[in-house]
Amino acid sequence: MRNFIILYSIYIILQNYFCGAWRSLVARPAGGREVVGSNPAAPTIIFFYREEKLKKIFIIVFILAFVFACSSDEKVLYEIEISKDKIEFPFKDIENGKFISIYKNYSNETIPISTVLISNGSVMENSQDLDLCEGVNALRNGKSVQEWIIINHNLPVVPEFEVINSNDHPNLVSYSFPLGTYLIMLMDPINCNKDNYVIFDVTTNDGLQIAGDL
């Protein structure tokens, strides 16, 4: 809504600046001369020219508003280093669930990971103290866990030496998580410990908002 108001305000300003004010409907010709209406000495512009110019101005203003909305809604980028036995995760909780991760795998083999929503719509109390190995082992063995929602299952994280173009990184993942508690886990380890899975909380639903509220 805020960006719509900004958009409309810019539109009105540009309309008056480039096209002049609209002439009053009470203005009448007198003796072959035009009488200045309620907007004194406003420039007179042929209607079709005004309409075409307004279209161009509106398009420009719309593009500017779109850029403004996108720039205010940028995602934070995190690099997450993983190995066969450990995930180095950068945070334990985050307010906005909209972010981008680039998983860095410096080993010689592809490492599969899974992302799971373990509490939907609320944050689990003392989530960092939870022991989730029972559920983690179940997922690794192809079983389901009640109330857990799998978001990415067995996502392959390729080694860095296989990345041909870093600007088109195959291990880049864009997230837009709602409020809840989440789990990212390595899929290959036989033994479970807190090094090979991480828990984090998303504390608001801001990640689900449409860019700029438009």
N, C-alpha and C. Protein backbone atom coordinates (compact mmCIF):
# COMPACT_ATOMS: atom_id res chain seq x y z
N MET A 1 0.83 -1.19 0.00
CA MET A 1 0.00 0.00 0.00
C MET A 1 0.86 1.24 0.00
N ARG A 2 1.96 1.23 0.76
CA ARG A 2 2.85 2.38 0.83
C ARG A 2 3.44 2.70 -0.53
N ASN A 3 3.87 1.66 -1.25
CA ASN A 3 4.46 1.89 -2.57
C ASN A 3 3.43 2.36 -3.57
N PHE A 4 2.15 1.92 -3.39
CA PHE A 4 1.10 2.40 -4.29
C PHE A 4 0.90 3.89 -4.12
N ILE A 5 0.93 4.37 -2.87
CA ILE A 5 0.77 5.80 -2.61
C ILE A 5 1.92 6.58 -3.23
N ILE A 6 3.15 6.05 -3.09
CA ILE A 6 4.30 6.71 -3.70
C ILE A 6 4.16 6.74 -5.20
N LEU A 7 3.73 5.62 -5.79
CA LEU A 7 3.55 5.52 -7.22
C LEU A 7 2.53 6.54 -7.71
N TYR A 8 1.39 6.63 -7.02
CA TYR A 8 0.34 7.56 -7.44
C TYR A 8 0.78 9.00 -7.30
N SER A 9 1.51 9.32 -6.23
CA SER A 9 1.99 10.68 -6.02
C SER A 9 2.95 11.11 -7.12
N ILE A 10 3.88 10.20 -7.49
CA ILE A 10 4.81 10.51 -8.57
C ILE A 10 4.07 10.72 -9.88
N TYR A 11 3.02 9.88 -10.10
CA TYR A 11 2.23 9.99 -11.31
C TYR A 11 1.58 11.36 -11.41
N ILE A 12 0.98 11.85 -10.32
CA ILE A 12 0.30 13.15 -10.32
C ILE A 12 1.30 14.27 -10.56
N ILE A 13 2.48 14.17 -9.90
CA ILE A 13 3.49 15.21 -10.06
C ILE A 13 3.96 15.29 -11.50
N LEU A 14 4.26 14.14 -12.09
CA LEU A 14 4.74 14.13 -13.47
C LEU A 14 3.66 14.56 -14.44
N GLN A 15 2.41 14.21 -14.13
CA GLN A 15 1.32 14.62 -15.01
C GLN A 15 1.23 16.14 -15.07
N ASN A 16 1.28 16.78 -13.91
CA ASN A 16 1.18 18.24 -13.87
C ASN A 16 2.42 18.91 -14.46
N TYR A 17 3.60 18.25 -14.25
CA TYR A 17 4.83 18.85 -14.72
C TYR A 17 4.94 18.83 -16.23
N PHE A 18 4.65 17.67 -16.82
CA PHE A 18 4.85 17.52 -18.25
C PHE A 18 3.65 17.94 -19.08
N CYS A 19 2.45 17.77 -18.53
CA CYS A 19 1.26 17.94 -19.36
C CYS A 19 0.45 19.16 -18.99
N GLY A 20 0.81 19.84 -17.93
CA GLY A 20 0.01 20.97 -17.52
C GLY A 20 -1.25 20.53 -16.82
N ALA A 21 -1.94 21.43 -16.17
CA ALA A 21 -3.15 21.09 -15.45
C ALA A 21 -4.31 20.99 -16.43
N TRP A 22 -5.32 20.20 -16.08
CA TRP A 22 -6.51 20.11 -16.93
C TRP A 22 -7.27 21.44 -16.88
N ARG A 23 -7.78 21.85 -18.04
CA ARG A 23 -8.52 23.11 -18.09
C ARG A 23 -9.89 22.93 -17.46
N SER A 24 -10.39 23.99 -16.84
CA SER A 24 -11.68 23.94 -16.17
C SER A 24 -12.79 23.74 -17.20
N LEU A 25 -13.82 23.00 -16.79
CA LEU A 25 -14.96 22.76 -17.67
C LEU A 25 -15.82 24.00 -17.84
N VAL A 26 -15.62 25.02 -16.99
CA VAL A 26 -16.44 26.24 -17.10
C VAL A 26 -15.82 27.26 -18.04
N ALA A 27 -14.65 26.97 -18.58
CA ALA A 27 -14.04 27.90 -19.52
C ALA A 27 -14.84 27.93 -20.82
N ARG A 28 -15.08 29.13 -21.37
CA ARG A 28 -15.88 29.31 -22.57
C ARG A 28 -15.21 30.28 -23.52
N PRO A 29 -15.33 30.05 -24.83
CA PRO A 29 -14.80 31.03 -25.78
C PRO A 29 -15.62 32.32 -25.73
N ALA A 30 -14.96 33.48 -25.91
CA ALA A 30 -15.66 34.78 -25.90
C ALA A 30 -15.00 35.67 -26.94
N GLY A 31 -15.77 36.05 -27.99
CA GLY A 31 -15.25 36.94 -29.01
C GLY A 31 -14.06 36.37 -29.75
N GLY A 32 -14.06 35.05 -29.95
CA GLY A 32 -12.97 34.43 -30.70
C GLY A 32 -11.75 34.16 -29.84
N ARG A 33 -11.77 34.52 -28.57
CA ARG A 33 -10.64 34.29 -27.68
C ARG A 33 -11.05 33.30 -26.61
N GLU A 34 -10.10 32.54 -26.14
CA GLU A 34 -10.38 31.60 -25.07
C GLU A 34 -10.24 32.29 -23.72
N VAL A 35 -11.15 31.96 -22.84
CA VAL A 35 -11.11 32.54 -21.50
C VAL A 35 -10.35 31.59 -20.59
N VAL A 36 -9.42 32.15 -19.83
CA VAL A 36 -8.65 31.34 -18.90
C VAL A 36 -9.58 30.80 -17.82
N GLY A 37 -9.51 29.51 -17.57
CA GLY A 37 -10.41 28.87 -16.61
C GLY A 37 -9.91 28.99 -15.18
N SER A 38 -10.24 27.98 -14.37
CA SER A 38 -9.89 28.04 -12.96
C SER A 38 -8.42 27.76 -12.71
N ASN A 39 -7.68 27.29 -13.71
CA ASN A 39 -6.24 27.11 -13.62
C ASN A 39 -5.59 28.18 -14.50
N PRO A 40 -5.33 29.36 -13.98
CA PRO A 40 -4.87 30.49 -14.80
C PRO A 40 -3.63 30.15 -15.61
N ALA A 41 -3.71 30.48 -16.87
CA ALA A 41 -2.58 30.39 -17.80
C ALA A 41 -2.01 28.97 -17.90
N ALA A 42 -2.85 27.96 -17.68
CA ALA A 42 -2.36 26.60 -17.83
C ALA A 42 -2.10 26.30 -19.30
N PRO A 43 -1.01 25.60 -19.65
CA PRO A 43 -0.70 25.35 -21.05
C PRO A 43 -1.74 24.44 -21.68
N THR A 44 -2.14 24.72 -22.91
CA THR A 44 -3.11 23.91 -23.64
C THR A 44 -2.36 22.93 -24.52
N ILE A 45 -2.70 21.64 -24.40
CA ILE A 45 -2.02 20.61 -25.16
C ILE A 45 -3.07 19.77 -25.86
N ILE A 46 -2.82 19.42 -27.07
CA ILE A 46 -3.76 18.60 -27.83
C ILE A 46 -4.01 17.30 -27.09
N PHE A 47 -5.26 16.85 -27.07
CA PHE A 47 -5.66 15.74 -26.22
C PHE A 47 -4.89 14.46 -26.52
N PHE A 48 -4.79 14.12 -27.81
CA PHE A 48 -4.15 12.84 -28.11
C PHE A 48 -2.68 12.86 -27.75
N TYR A 49 -2.04 14.03 -27.84
CA TYR A 49 -0.63 14.14 -27.46
C TYR A 49 -0.49 13.97 -25.96
N ARG A 50 -1.43 14.58 -25.23
CA ARG A 50 -1.43 14.45 -23.77
C ARG A 50 -1.60 12.99 -23.36
N GLU A 51 -2.53 12.30 -24.03
CA GLU A 51 -2.82 10.92 -23.67
C GLU A 51 -1.62 10.02 -23.93
N GLU A 52 -0.96 10.18 -25.08
CA GLU A 52 0.19 9.35 -25.40
C GLU A 52 1.34 9.61 -24.42
N LYS A 53 1.53 10.90 -24.09
CA LYS A 53 2.62 11.24 -23.18
C LYS A 53 2.35 10.70 -21.78
N LEU A 54 1.07 10.75 -21.37
CA LEU A 54 0.72 10.21 -20.05
C LEU A 54 0.97 8.71 -19.98
N LYS A 55 0.70 8.01 -21.08
CA LYS A 55 0.96 6.58 -21.11
C LYS A 55 2.44 6.29 -20.89
N LYS A 56 3.29 7.05 -21.58
CA LYS A 56 4.73 6.85 -21.44
C LYS A 56 5.18 7.16 -20.02
N ILE A 57 4.63 8.23 -19.46
CA ILE A 57 5.01 8.62 -18.10
C ILE A 57 4.59 7.55 -17.10
N PHE A 58 3.37 7.03 -17.29
CA PHE A 58 2.87 6.01 -16.38
C PHE A 58 3.75 4.76 -16.42
N ILE A 59 4.18 4.37 -17.63
CA ILE A 59 5.04 3.21 -17.77
C ILE A 59 6.35 3.43 -17.03
N ILE A 60 6.93 4.63 -17.19
CA ILE A 60 8.20 4.94 -16.52
C ILE A 60 8.03 4.89 -15.00
N VAL A 61 6.94 5.49 -14.52
CA VAL A 61 6.69 5.52 -13.08
C VAL A 61 6.48 4.10 -12.54
N PHE A 62 5.76 3.28 -13.31
CA PHE A 62 5.53 1.89 -12.89
C PHE A 62 6.84 1.12 -12.77
N ILE A 63 7.74 1.32 -13.74
CA ILE A 63 9.03 0.64 -13.70
C ILE A 63 9.83 1.09 -12.49
N LEU A 64 9.83 2.40 -12.23
CA LEU A 64 10.55 2.93 -11.07
C LEU A 64 9.99 2.37 -9.77
N ALA A 65 8.67 2.27 -9.69
CA ALA A 65 8.05 1.74 -8.48
C ALA A 65 8.39 0.27 -8.31
N PHE A 66 8.43 -0.47 -9.42
CA PHE A 66 8.78 -1.90 -9.37
C PHE A 66 10.21 -2.08 -8.88
N VAL A 67 11.13 -1.27 -9.42
CA VAL A 67 12.53 -1.34 -9.00
C VAL A 67 12.66 -1.01 -7.52
N PHE A 68 11.89 0.02 -7.09
CA PHE A 68 11.92 0.42 -5.68
C PHE A 68 11.45 -0.73 -4.79
N ALA A 69 10.36 -1.39 -5.21
CA ALA A 69 9.82 -2.50 -4.42
C ALA A 69 10.80 -3.65 -4.34
N CYS A 70 11.44 -3.97 -5.46
CA CYS A 70 12.38 -5.09 -5.49
C CYS A 70 13.62 -4.78 -4.67
N SER A 71 14.10 -3.54 -4.77
CA SER A 71 15.32 -3.19 -4.05
C SER A 71 15.10 -3.21 -2.55
N SER A 72 13.85 -2.94 -2.12
CA SER A 72 13.57 -2.96 -0.69
C SER A 72 13.27 -4.37 -0.18
N ASP A 73 13.29 -5.33 -1.10
CA ASP A 73 12.93 -6.69 -0.73
C ASP A 73 14.06 -7.67 -1.07
N GLU A 74 15.27 -7.21 -1.00
CA GLU A 74 16.41 -8.03 -1.36
C GLU A 74 16.62 -9.13 -0.33
N LYS A 75 17.05 -10.30 -0.80
CA LYS A 75 17.33 -11.42 0.09
C LYS A 75 18.78 -11.37 0.56
N VAL A 76 18.99 -11.78 1.80
CA VAL A 76 20.33 -11.87 2.36
C VAL A 76 20.98 -13.16 1.86
N LEU A 77 22.26 -13.08 1.52
CA LEU A 77 22.99 -14.24 1.01
C LEU A 77 23.90 -14.81 2.10
N TYR A 78 23.80 -16.13 2.30
CA TYR A 78 24.64 -16.81 3.27
C TYR A 78 25.43 -17.92 2.58
N GLU A 79 26.71 -18.02 2.91
CA GLU A 79 27.51 -19.16 2.46
C GLU A 79 27.56 -20.19 3.58
N ILE A 80 27.18 -21.41 3.25
CA ILE A 80 27.10 -22.48 4.25
C ILE A 80 28.06 -23.59 3.85
N GLU A 81 29.07 -23.80 4.66
CA GLU A 81 30.06 -24.83 4.34
C GLU A 81 29.61 -26.17 4.92
N ILE A 82 29.66 -27.19 4.08
CA ILE A 82 29.30 -28.52 4.55
C ILE A 82 30.40 -29.51 4.19
N SER A 83 30.48 -30.57 4.98
CA SER A 83 31.38 -31.69 4.70
C SER A 83 30.57 -32.97 4.89
N LYS A 84 31.21 -34.09 4.81
CA LYS A 84 30.49 -35.36 4.95
C LYS A 84 29.92 -35.54 6.35
N ASP A 85 30.51 -34.86 7.33
CA ASP A 85 30.11 -35.08 8.72
C ASP A 85 29.61 -33.84 9.45
N LYS A 86 29.63 -32.67 8.77
CA LYS A 86 29.31 -31.45 9.52
C LYS A 86 28.71 -30.38 8.62
N ILE A 87 27.79 -29.60 9.22
CA ILE A 87 27.22 -28.41 8.57
C ILE A 87 27.62 -27.19 9.38
N GLU A 88 28.23 -26.23 8.73
CA GLU A 88 28.59 -24.97 9.39
C GLU A 88 27.51 -23.95 9.06
N PHE A 89 26.52 -23.83 9.94
CA PHE A 89 25.37 -22.96 9.66
C PHE A 89 25.56 -21.60 10.32
N PRO A 90 25.17 -20.50 9.63
CA PRO A 90 25.52 -19.16 10.13
C PRO A 90 24.61 -18.58 11.22
N PHE A 91 23.43 -19.15 11.46
CA PHE A 91 22.56 -18.56 12.48
C PHE A 91 21.68 -19.63 13.13
N LYS A 92 21.15 -19.27 14.30
CA LYS A 92 20.24 -20.16 15.02
C LYS A 92 18.79 -19.71 14.89
N ASP A 93 18.59 -18.43 14.61
CA ASP A 93 17.25 -17.92 14.35
C ASP A 93 17.36 -16.71 13.43
N ILE A 94 16.28 -16.45 12.73
CA ILE A 94 16.25 -15.35 11.78
C ILE A 94 14.84 -14.78 11.76
N GLU A 95 14.73 -13.47 11.62
CA GLU A 95 13.41 -12.85 11.65
C GLU A 95 12.67 -13.04 10.33
N ASN A 96 13.36 -12.79 9.23
CA ASN A 96 12.75 -12.91 7.91
C ASN A 96 13.23 -14.20 7.25
N GLY A 97 12.29 -15.07 6.90
CA GLY A 97 12.65 -16.35 6.32
C GLY A 97 12.99 -16.31 4.85
N LYS A 98 13.12 -15.12 4.29
CA LYS A 98 13.47 -14.98 2.88
C LYS A 98 14.97 -14.72 2.78
N PHE A 99 15.72 -15.72 2.33
CA PHE A 99 17.17 -15.59 2.19
C PHE A 99 17.67 -16.57 1.15
N ILE A 100 18.93 -16.39 0.77
CA ILE A 100 19.57 -17.24 -0.22
C ILE A 100 20.77 -17.93 0.42
N SER A 101 20.93 -19.21 0.13
CA SER A 101 22.08 -19.96 0.63
C SER A 101 22.90 -20.50 -0.53
N ILE A 102 24.22 -20.39 -0.40
CA ILE A 102 25.12 -21.09 -1.31
C ILE A 102 25.87 -22.12 -0.47
N TYR A 103 25.60 -23.37 -0.77
CA TYR A 103 26.26 -24.44 -0.03
C TYR A 103 27.63 -24.72 -0.64
N LYS A 104 28.65 -24.66 0.19
CA LYS A 104 30.03 -24.87 -0.25
C LYS A 104 30.50 -26.25 0.19
N ASN A 105 30.79 -27.07 -0.79
CA ASN A 105 31.25 -28.43 -0.54
C ASN A 105 32.68 -28.56 -1.07
N TYR A 106 33.64 -28.62 -0.14
CA TYR A 106 35.06 -28.67 -0.54
C TYR A 106 35.61 -30.10 -0.55
N SER A 107 34.71 -31.08 -0.46
CA SER A 107 35.15 -32.46 -0.55
C SER A 107 35.21 -32.89 -2.02
N ASN A 108 35.48 -34.13 -2.25
CA ASN A 108 35.59 -34.64 -3.62
C ASN A 108 34.33 -35.35 -4.10
N GLU A 109 33.30 -35.41 -3.24
CA GLU A 109 32.08 -36.12 -3.60
C GLU A 109 30.86 -35.25 -3.35
N THR A 110 29.80 -35.55 -4.09
CA THR A 110 28.52 -34.86 -3.88
C THR A 110 27.94 -35.26 -2.52
N ILE A 111 27.42 -34.29 -1.80
CA ILE A 111 26.85 -34.53 -0.47
C ILE A 111 25.36 -34.19 -0.50
N PRO A 112 24.49 -35.17 -0.25
CA PRO A 112 23.05 -34.88 -0.24
C PRO A 112 22.60 -34.31 1.11
N ILE A 113 21.70 -33.35 1.04
CA ILE A 113 21.13 -32.76 2.25
C ILE A 113 19.61 -32.70 2.10
N SER A 114 18.94 -32.58 3.23
CA SER A 114 17.48 -32.40 3.22
C SER A 114 17.11 -31.26 4.15
N THR A 115 16.08 -30.52 3.75
CA THR A 115 15.55 -29.44 4.57
C THR A 115 14.14 -29.82 4.99
N VAL A 116 13.86 -29.66 6.29
CA VAL A 116 12.59 -30.14 6.85
C VAL A 116 11.98 -29.07 7.74
N LEU A 117 10.68 -28.88 7.60
CA LEU A 117 9.93 -28.04 8.53
C LEU A 117 9.41 -28.94 9.65
N ILE A 118 9.89 -28.69 10.86
CA ILE A 118 9.52 -29.58 11.97
C ILE A 118 8.47 -28.96 12.89
N SER A 119 8.22 -27.66 12.74
CA SER A 119 7.14 -27.01 13.50
C SER A 119 6.57 -25.90 12.64
N ASN A 120 5.35 -26.10 12.18
CA ASN A 120 4.73 -25.16 11.25
C ASN A 120 3.84 -24.16 11.99
N GLY A 121 4.13 -22.86 11.78
CA GLY A 121 3.29 -21.82 12.36
C GLY A 121 3.69 -21.37 13.74
N SER A 122 4.67 -22.02 14.33
CA SER A 122 5.16 -21.61 15.65
C SER A 122 6.59 -22.07 15.81
N VAL A 123 7.30 -21.39 16.69
CA VAL A 123 8.69 -21.74 16.98
C VAL A 123 8.73 -22.67 18.18
N MET A 124 9.47 -23.76 18.07
CA MET A 124 9.58 -24.71 19.17
C MET A 124 10.41 -24.11 20.30
N GLU A 125 9.96 -24.29 21.51
CA GLU A 125 10.66 -23.75 22.67
C GLU A 125 11.99 -24.47 22.87
N ASN A 126 13.03 -23.65 23.09
CA ASN A 126 14.39 -24.19 23.30
C ASN A 126 14.78 -25.17 22.19
N SER A 127 14.55 -24.74 20.95
CA SER A 127 14.77 -25.64 19.81
C SER A 127 16.22 -26.11 19.70
N GLN A 128 17.16 -25.28 20.12
CA GLN A 128 18.57 -25.65 20.01
C GLN A 128 18.96 -26.78 20.96
N ASP A 129 18.13 -27.01 21.97
CA ASP A 129 18.43 -28.06 22.94
C ASP A 129 17.79 -29.40 22.57
N LEU A 130 17.03 -29.43 21.48
CA LEU A 130 16.33 -30.65 21.12
C LEU A 130 17.28 -31.69 20.53
N ASP A 131 17.01 -32.92 20.86
CA ASP A 131 17.73 -34.05 20.25
C ASP A 131 16.80 -34.67 19.20
N LEU A 132 17.14 -34.45 17.93
CA LEU A 132 16.28 -34.89 16.83
C LEU A 132 16.81 -36.13 16.12
N CYS A 133 17.74 -36.81 16.74
CA CYS A 133 18.39 -37.94 16.06
C CYS A 133 17.41 -39.05 15.70
N GLU A 134 16.39 -39.26 16.50
CA GLU A 134 15.43 -40.31 16.17
C GLU A 134 14.74 -40.02 14.84
N GLY A 135 14.30 -38.77 14.68
CA GLY A 135 13.65 -38.39 13.43
C GLY A 135 14.63 -38.32 12.27
N VAL A 136 15.83 -37.83 12.53
CA VAL A 136 16.86 -37.74 11.49
C VAL A 136 17.19 -39.12 10.95
N ASN A 137 17.39 -40.08 11.84
CA ASN A 137 17.70 -41.44 11.41
C ASN A 137 16.54 -42.07 10.64
N ALA A 138 15.32 -41.73 11.06
CA ALA A 138 14.15 -42.26 10.35
C ALA A 138 14.13 -41.77 8.90
N LEU A 139 14.38 -40.47 8.70
CA LEU A 139 14.39 -39.93 7.34
C LEU A 139 15.52 -40.52 6.51
N ARG A 140 16.66 -40.73 7.14
CA ARG A 140 17.79 -41.32 6.41
C ARG A 140 17.49 -42.75 5.97
N ASN A 141 16.61 -43.41 6.69
CA ASN A 141 16.24 -44.78 6.35
C ASN A 141 14.96 -44.85 5.52
N GLY A 142 14.55 -43.72 4.99
CA GLY A 142 13.39 -43.70 4.10
C GLY A 142 12.04 -43.72 4.79
N LYS A 143 12.00 -43.47 6.08
CA LYS A 143 10.74 -43.45 6.82
C LYS A 143 10.24 -42.02 6.98
N SER A 144 8.97 -41.89 7.24
CA SER A 144 8.38 -40.56 7.46
C SER A 144 8.28 -40.28 8.96
N VAL A 145 8.23 -38.99 9.28
CA VAL A 145 8.10 -38.57 10.68
C VAL A 145 6.84 -37.72 10.77
N GLN A 146 5.97 -38.08 11.67
CA GLN A 146 4.71 -37.38 11.83
C GLN A 146 4.94 -35.90 12.14
N GLU A 147 4.22 -35.04 11.42
CA GLU A 147 4.24 -33.58 11.58
C GLU A 147 5.49 -32.94 11.00
N TRP A 148 6.41 -33.72 10.48
CA TRP A 148 7.56 -33.13 9.78
C TRP A 148 7.22 -33.02 8.29
N ILE A 149 7.53 -31.86 7.73
CA ILE A 149 7.25 -31.60 6.32
C ILE A 149 8.57 -31.45 5.58
N ILE A 150 8.84 -32.35 4.65
CA ILE A 150 10.09 -32.30 3.89
C ILE A 150 9.98 -31.23 2.80
N ILE A 151 10.93 -30.30 2.79
CA ILE A 151 10.95 -29.22 1.80
C ILE A 151 11.87 -29.56 0.64
N ASN A 152 13.09 -29.92 0.94
CA ASN A 152 14.04 -30.42 -0.07
C ASN A 152 14.55 -31.78 0.41
N HIS A 153 14.38 -32.80 -0.40
CA HIS A 153 14.82 -34.13 0.00
C HIS A 153 15.99 -34.58 -0.86
N ASN A 154 17.08 -34.94 -0.22
CA ASN A 154 18.28 -35.41 -0.93
C ASN A 154 18.76 -34.42 -1.99
N LEU A 155 18.80 -33.15 -1.62
CA LEU A 155 19.33 -32.13 -2.53
C LEU A 155 20.83 -32.35 -2.71
N PRO A 156 21.30 -32.58 -3.93
CA PRO A 156 22.73 -32.86 -4.13
C PRO A 156 23.57 -31.58 -4.09
N VAL A 157 24.52 -31.54 -3.20
CA VAL A 157 25.45 -30.41 -3.11
C VAL A 157 26.76 -30.85 -3.77
N VAL A 158 27.01 -30.32 -4.96
CA VAL A 158 28.17 -30.79 -5.73
C VAL A 158 29.45 -30.16 -5.20
N PRO A 159 30.57 -30.81 -5.40
CA PRO A 159 31.86 -30.25 -4.96
C PRO A 159 32.19 -28.95 -5.69
N GLU A 160 32.94 -28.10 -5.03
CA GLU A 160 33.30 -26.82 -5.61
C GLU A 160 34.14 -26.96 -6.88
N PHE A 161 34.95 -27.99 -6.97
CA PHE A 161 35.80 -28.12 -8.15
C PHE A 161 34.98 -28.46 -9.40
N GLU A 162 33.72 -28.87 -9.21
CA GLU A 162 32.85 -29.15 -10.34
C GLU A 162 32.04 -27.93 -10.78
N VAL A 163 32.13 -26.86 -10.02
CA VAL A 163 31.38 -25.64 -10.35
C VAL A 163 32.09 -24.92 -11.48
N ILE A 164 31.45 -24.86 -12.63
CA ILE A 164 32.06 -24.24 -13.81
C ILE A 164 31.91 -22.73 -13.78
N ASN A 165 30.74 -22.25 -13.42
CA ASN A 165 30.45 -20.82 -13.41
C ASN A 165 29.93 -20.43 -12.04
N SER A 166 30.72 -19.68 -11.28
CA SER A 166 30.31 -19.29 -9.93
C SER A 166 29.12 -18.34 -9.93
N ASN A 167 28.88 -17.66 -11.07
CA ASN A 167 27.72 -16.77 -11.18
C ASN A 167 26.43 -17.55 -11.42
N ASP A 168 26.55 -18.82 -11.73
CA ASP A 168 25.39 -19.69 -11.89
C ASP A 168 25.64 -20.94 -11.04
N HIS A 169 25.77 -20.71 -9.75
CA HIS A 169 26.21 -21.76 -8.84
C HIS A 169 25.12 -22.82 -8.66
N PRO A 170 25.47 -24.09 -8.89
CA PRO A 170 24.45 -25.15 -8.77
C PRO A 170 23.97 -25.39 -7.34
N ASN A 171 24.75 -24.92 -6.35
CA ASN A 171 24.38 -25.14 -4.95
C ASN A 171 23.68 -23.94 -4.33
N LEU A 172 23.20 -23.03 -5.18
CA LEU A 172 22.48 -21.86 -4.68
C LEU A 172 21.01 -22.22 -4.52
N VAL A 173 20.47 -21.93 -3.34
CA VAL A 173 19.07 -22.22 -3.05
C VAL A 173 18.42 -20.97 -2.46
N SER A 174 17.28 -20.60 -3.02
CA SER A 174 16.53 -19.44 -2.53
C SER A 174 15.36 -19.92 -1.66
N TYR A 175 15.29 -19.38 -0.45
CA TYR A 175 14.25 -19.80 0.49
C TYR A 175 13.28 -18.65 0.79
N SER A 176 12.02 -19.02 1.03
CA SER A 176 11.02 -18.08 1.54
C SER A 176 10.21 -18.84 2.60
N PHE A 177 10.77 -18.90 3.80
CA PHE A 177 10.20 -19.72 4.86
C PHE A 177 9.20 -18.92 5.70
N PRO A 178 8.07 -19.53 6.04
CA PRO A 178 7.16 -18.90 7.00
C PRO A 178 7.63 -19.15 8.44
N LEU A 179 6.89 -18.60 9.37
CA LEU A 179 7.15 -18.80 10.79
C LEU A 179 7.22 -20.29 11.13
N GLY A 180 8.27 -20.68 11.84
CA GLY A 180 8.39 -22.08 12.22
C GLY A 180 9.80 -22.45 12.62
N THR A 181 9.99 -23.72 12.93
CA THR A 181 11.31 -24.27 13.26
C THR A 181 11.71 -25.26 12.17
N TYR A 182 12.99 -25.18 11.76
CA TYR A 182 13.45 -25.92 10.59
C TYR A 182 14.69 -26.76 10.92
N LEU A 183 14.89 -27.76 10.09
CA LEU A 183 16.01 -28.68 10.24
C LEU A 183 16.68 -28.84 8.87
N ILE A 184 18.00 -28.70 8.84
CA ILE A 184 18.79 -29.05 7.65
C ILE A 184 19.75 -30.16 8.07
N MET A 185 19.73 -31.27 7.32
CA MET A 185 20.48 -32.45 7.75
C MET A 185 21.26 -33.07 6.60
N LEU A 186 22.40 -33.62 6.95
CA LEU A 186 23.16 -34.45 6.01
C LEU A 186 22.47 -35.81 5.92
N MET A 187 22.43 -36.38 4.72
CA MET A 187 21.69 -37.62 4.52
C MET A 187 22.56 -38.88 4.60
N ASP A 188 23.86 -38.75 4.46
CA ASP A 188 24.71 -39.94 4.34
C ASP A 188 25.27 -40.50 5.65
N PRO A 189 25.51 -39.67 6.69
CA PRO A 189 26.15 -40.22 7.89
C PRO A 189 25.35 -41.38 8.50
N ILE A 190 26.09 -42.38 8.96
CA ILE A 190 25.45 -43.53 9.61
C ILE A 190 25.07 -43.19 11.04
N ASN A 191 25.98 -42.51 11.72
CA ASN A 191 25.73 -42.11 13.10
C ASN A 191 25.21 -40.67 13.13
N CYS A 192 24.27 -40.42 14.01
CA CYS A 192 23.67 -39.08 14.11
C CYS A 192 24.25 -38.33 15.30
N ASN A 193 24.62 -37.08 15.05
CA ASN A 193 25.00 -36.16 16.13
C ASN A 193 24.69 -34.75 15.68
N LYS A 194 24.86 -33.79 16.57
CA LYS A 194 24.44 -32.42 16.27
C LYS A 194 25.38 -31.69 15.32
N ASP A 195 26.44 -32.37 14.89
CA ASP A 195 27.30 -31.78 13.86
C ASP A 195 26.70 -32.00 12.46
N ASN A 196 25.98 -33.10 12.29
CA ASN A 196 25.49 -33.40 10.94
C ASN A 196 24.02 -33.03 10.73
N TYR A 197 23.46 -32.23 11.64
CA TYR A 197 22.19 -31.55 11.36
C TYR A 197 22.16 -30.24 12.13
N VAL A 198 21.39 -29.29 11.64
CA VAL A 198 21.26 -27.99 12.30
C VAL A 198 19.78 -27.66 12.44
N ILE A 199 19.47 -26.92 13.49
CA ILE A 199 18.11 -26.45 13.75
C ILE A 199 18.13 -24.92 13.74
N PHE A 200 17.14 -24.32 13.11
CA PHE A 200 17.02 -22.86 13.17
C PHE A 200 15.55 -22.46 13.17
N ASP A 201 15.29 -21.29 13.75
CA ASP A 201 13.92 -20.77 13.87
C ASP A 201 13.73 -19.57 12.94
N VAL A 202 12.57 -19.50 12.31
CA VAL A 202 12.13 -18.30 11.60
C VAL A 202 11.03 -17.69 12.47
N THR A 203 11.25 -16.46 12.93
CA THR A 203 10.41 -15.90 14.00
C THR A 203 9.25 -15.06 13.51
N THR A 204 9.13 -14.80 12.19
CA THR A 204 7.99 -14.05 11.66
C THR A 204 7.55 -14.67 10.33
N ASN A 205 6.46 -14.15 9.81
CA ASN A 205 5.99 -14.55 8.48
C ASN A 205 6.39 -13.53 7.41
N ASP A 206 7.37 -12.67 7.71
CA ASP A 206 7.77 -11.63 6.76
C ASP A 206 8.24 -12.21 5.43
N GLY A 207 8.79 -13.41 5.45
CA GLY A 207 9.30 -14.02 4.23
C GLY A 207 8.22 -14.35 3.22
N LEU A 208 6.95 -14.32 3.66
CA LEU A 208 5.85 -14.66 2.76
C LEU A 208 5.18 -13.43 2.18
N GLN A 209 5.54 -12.22 2.63
CA GLN A 209 4.92 -11.01 2.12
C GLN A 209 5.28 -10.76 0.68
N ILE A 210 4.33 -10.26 -0.09
CA ILE A 210 4.58 -9.89 -1.49
C ILE A 210 5.46 -8.66 -1.51
N ALA A 211 6.38 -8.61 -2.47
CA ALA A 211 7.36 -7.52 -2.53
C ALA A 211 6.69 -6.18 -2.46
N GLY A 212 7.10 -5.38 -1.47
CA GLY A 212 6.62 -4.00 -1.38
C GLY A 212 5.15 -3.89 -1.07
N ASP A 213 4.45 -4.99 -0.68
CA ASP A 213 3.01 -4.97 -0.39
C ASP A 213 2.19 -4.59 -1.60
N LEU A 214 2.74 -4.73 -2.83
CA LEU A 214 1.96 -4.39 -4.02
C LEU A 214 1.13 -5.60 -4.44
